[in-house]
Amino acid sequence: HDNAFNKARVLHHDISVGNILITKGKEILIDWDLLKCINKEPSKCDKQFMLASLVMNNNVLHTFVDDLESVFYVIIWLML
């Protein structure tokens, strides 16, 4: 959580017993689907299925249509 906040500038927003894994002395925070960016525009927040055009160009506004396209890529990824 400390690295996510200080380095990536994101907050988890869903910390619960089910979202913390502890294995071999390591704690892992999972389920980042509700993360919120801090001091960043939404288009500058890195996410796995964000469109490359949004990641590569910080001046592009992240729109509803971009999220729909990301949903398409998630569905393809799940099918594969």
C-alpha atoms as a PDB file:
ATOM      1  CA  HIS A   1       0.000   0.000   0.000  1.00  0.00           C
ATOM      2  CA  ASP A   2       2.864   2.333   0.818  1.00  0.00           C
ATOM      3  CA  ASN A   3       4.492   1.796  -2.602  1.00  0.00           C
ATOM      4  CA  ALA A   4       1.176   2.187  -4.406  1.00  0.00           C
ATOM      5  CA  PHE A   5       0.515   5.480  -2.659  1.00  0.00           C
ATOM      6  CA  ASN A   6       4.026   6.970  -2.732  1.00  0.00           C
ATOM      7  CA  LYS A   7       5.298   5.679  -6.087  1.00  0.00           C
ATOM      8  CA  ALA A   8       2.240   5.081  -8.288  1.00  0.00           C
ATOM      9  CA  ARG A   9       0.064   7.727  -6.555  1.00  0.00           C
ATOM     10  CA  VAL A  10      -2.998   5.478  -6.287  1.00  0.00           C
ATOM     11  CA  LEU A  11      -5.262   4.415  -3.428  1.00  0.00           C
ATOM     12  CA  HIS A  12      -6.747   0.921  -3.273  1.00  0.00           C
ATOM     13  CA  HIS A  13     -10.239   1.936  -2.040  1.00  0.00           C
ATOM     14  CA  ASP A  14     -11.266  -1.659  -1.223  1.00  0.00           C
ATOM     15  CA  ILE A  15      -9.025  -2.945   1.566  1.00  0.00           C
ATOM     16  CA  SER A  16     -10.639  -5.918   3.276  1.00  0.00           C
ATOM     17  CA  VAL A  17      -9.735  -9.347   4.652  1.00  0.00           C
ATOM     18  CA  GLY A  18     -10.453 -10.909   1.246  1.00  0.00           C
ATOM     19  CA  ASN A  19      -8.089  -8.531  -0.570  1.00  0.00           C
ATOM     20  CA  ILE A  20      -4.952  -9.209   1.482  1.00  0.00           C
ATOM     21  CA  LEU A  21      -2.855 -12.315   0.807  1.00  0.00           C
ATOM     22  CA  ILE A  22      -0.049 -13.392   3.130  1.00  0.00           C
ATOM     23  CA  THR A  23       2.360 -16.016   1.793  1.00  0.00           C
ATOM     24  CA  LYS A  24       5.841 -16.907   3.032  1.00  0.00           C
ATOM     25  CA  GLY A  25       6.051 -13.709   5.052  1.00  0.00           C
ATOM     26  CA  LYS A  26       4.959 -11.459   2.153  1.00  0.00           C
ATOM     27  CA  GLU A  27       1.806  -9.411   2.206  1.00  0.00           C
ATOM     28  CA  ILE A  28       0.126  -8.806  -1.146  1.00  0.00           C
ATOM     29  CA  LEU A  29      -2.752  -6.403  -1.724  1.00  0.00           C
ATOM     30  CA  ILE A  30      -5.012  -7.713  -4.519  1.00  0.00           C
ATOM     31  CA  ASP A  31      -8.211  -6.653  -6.329  1.00  0.00           C
ATOM     32  CA  TRP A  32      -7.287  -3.169  -7.535  1.00  0.00           C
ATOM     33  CA  ASP A  33     -10.418  -2.621  -9.647  1.00  0.00           C
ATOM     34  CA  LEU A  34     -11.648   0.292  -7.477  1.00  0.00           C
ATOM     35  CA  LEU A  35      -8.330   2.160  -7.352  1.00  0.00           C
ATOM     36  CA  LYS A  36      -8.355   5.937  -7.416  1.00  0.00           C
ATOM     37  CA  CYS A  37      -5.577   8.155  -8.738  1.00  0.00           C
ATOM     38  CA  ILE A  38      -4.198  10.857  -6.483  1.00  0.00           C
ATOM     39  CA  ASN A  39      -2.969  14.155  -7.935  1.00  0.00           C
ATOM     40  CA  LYS A  40      -3.266  12.737 -11.455  1.00  0.00           C
ATOM     41  CA  GLU A  41      -5.770  13.123 -14.202  1.00  0.00           C
ATOM     42  CA  PRO A  42      -7.731   9.871 -14.783  1.00  0.00           C
ATOM     43  CA  SER A  43      -6.061   9.408 -18.172  1.00  0.00           C
ATOM     44  CA  LYS A  44      -2.628   9.369 -16.485  1.00  0.00           C
ATOM     45  CA  CYS A  45      -3.500   6.493 -14.173  1.00  0.00           C
ATOM     46  CA  ASP A  46      -1.899   3.241 -15.337  1.00  0.00           C
ATOM     47  CA  LYS A  47      -4.224   0.247 -15.660  1.00  0.00           C
ATOM     48  CA  GLN A  48      -3.744  -3.105 -17.330  1.00  0.00           C
ATOM     49  CA  PHE A  49      -6.323  -2.729 -20.115  1.00  0.00           C
ATOM     50  CA  MET A  50      -6.052   1.003 -20.708  1.00  0.00           C
ATOM     51  CA  LEU A  51      -5.723   1.925 -24.370  1.00  0.00           C
ATOM     52  CA  ALA A  52      -2.180   2.490 -25.570  1.00  0.00           C
ATOM     53  CA  SER A  53      -3.173   5.862 -27.032  1.00  0.00           C
ATOM     54  CA  LEU A  54      -4.135   7.063 -23.542  1.00  0.00           C
ATOM     55  CA  VAL A  55      -0.993   5.720 -21.898  1.00  0.00           C
ATOM     56  CA  MET A  56       1.343   7.170 -24.525  1.00  0.00           C
ATOM     57  CA  ASN A  57      -0.289  10.611 -24.765  1.00  0.00           C
ATOM     58  CA  ASN A  58      -1.009  12.347 -21.449  1.00  0.00           C
ATOM     59  CA  ASN A  59      -2.925  15.126 -23.204  1.00  0.00           C
ATOM     60  CA  VAL A  60      -5.687  12.846 -24.510  1.00  0.00           C
ATOM     61  CA  LEU A  61      -8.925  12.939 -22.520  1.00  0.00           C
ATOM     62  CA  HIS A  62     -10.065   9.522 -21.238  1.00  0.00           C
ATOM     63  CA  THR A  63     -13.703   9.100 -22.328  1.00  0.00           C
ATOM     64  CA  PHE A  64     -16.573   6.663 -21.872  1.00  0.00           C
ATOM     65  CA  VAL A  65     -15.857   5.191 -25.315  1.00  0.00           C
ATOM     66  CA  ASP A  66     -12.285   4.395 -24.233  1.00  0.00           C
ATOM     67  CA  ASP A  67     -13.663   2.405 -21.297  1.00  0.00           C
ATOM     68  CA  LEU A  68     -15.975   0.489 -23.646  1.00  0.00           C
ATOM     69  CA  GLU A  69     -13.006  -0.434 -25.819  1.00  0.00           C
ATOM     70  CA  SER A  70     -11.127  -1.577 -22.703  1.00  0.00           C
ATOM     71  CA  VAL A  71     -14.085  -3.813 -21.810  1.00  0.00           C
ATOM     72  CA  PHE A  72     -13.798  -5.376 -25.262  1.00  0.00           C
ATOM     73  CA  TYR A  73     -10.097  -6.163 -24.651  1.00  0.00           C
ATOM     74  CA  VAL A  74     -10.877  -7.640 -21.232  1.00  0.00           C
ATOM     75  CA  ILE A  75     -13.459  -9.962 -22.791  1.00  0.00           C
ATOM     76  CA  ILE A  76     -10.992 -11.057 -25.469  1.00  0.00           C
ATOM     77  CA  TRP A  77      -8.315 -11.668 -22.810  1.00  0.00           C
ATOM     78  CA  LEU A  78     -10.723 -13.768 -20.735  1.00  0.00           C
ATOM     79  CA  MET A  79     -11.772 -15.842 -23.749  1.00  0.00           C
ATOM     80  CA  LEU A  80      -8.164 -16.587 -24.650  1.00  0.00           C
END
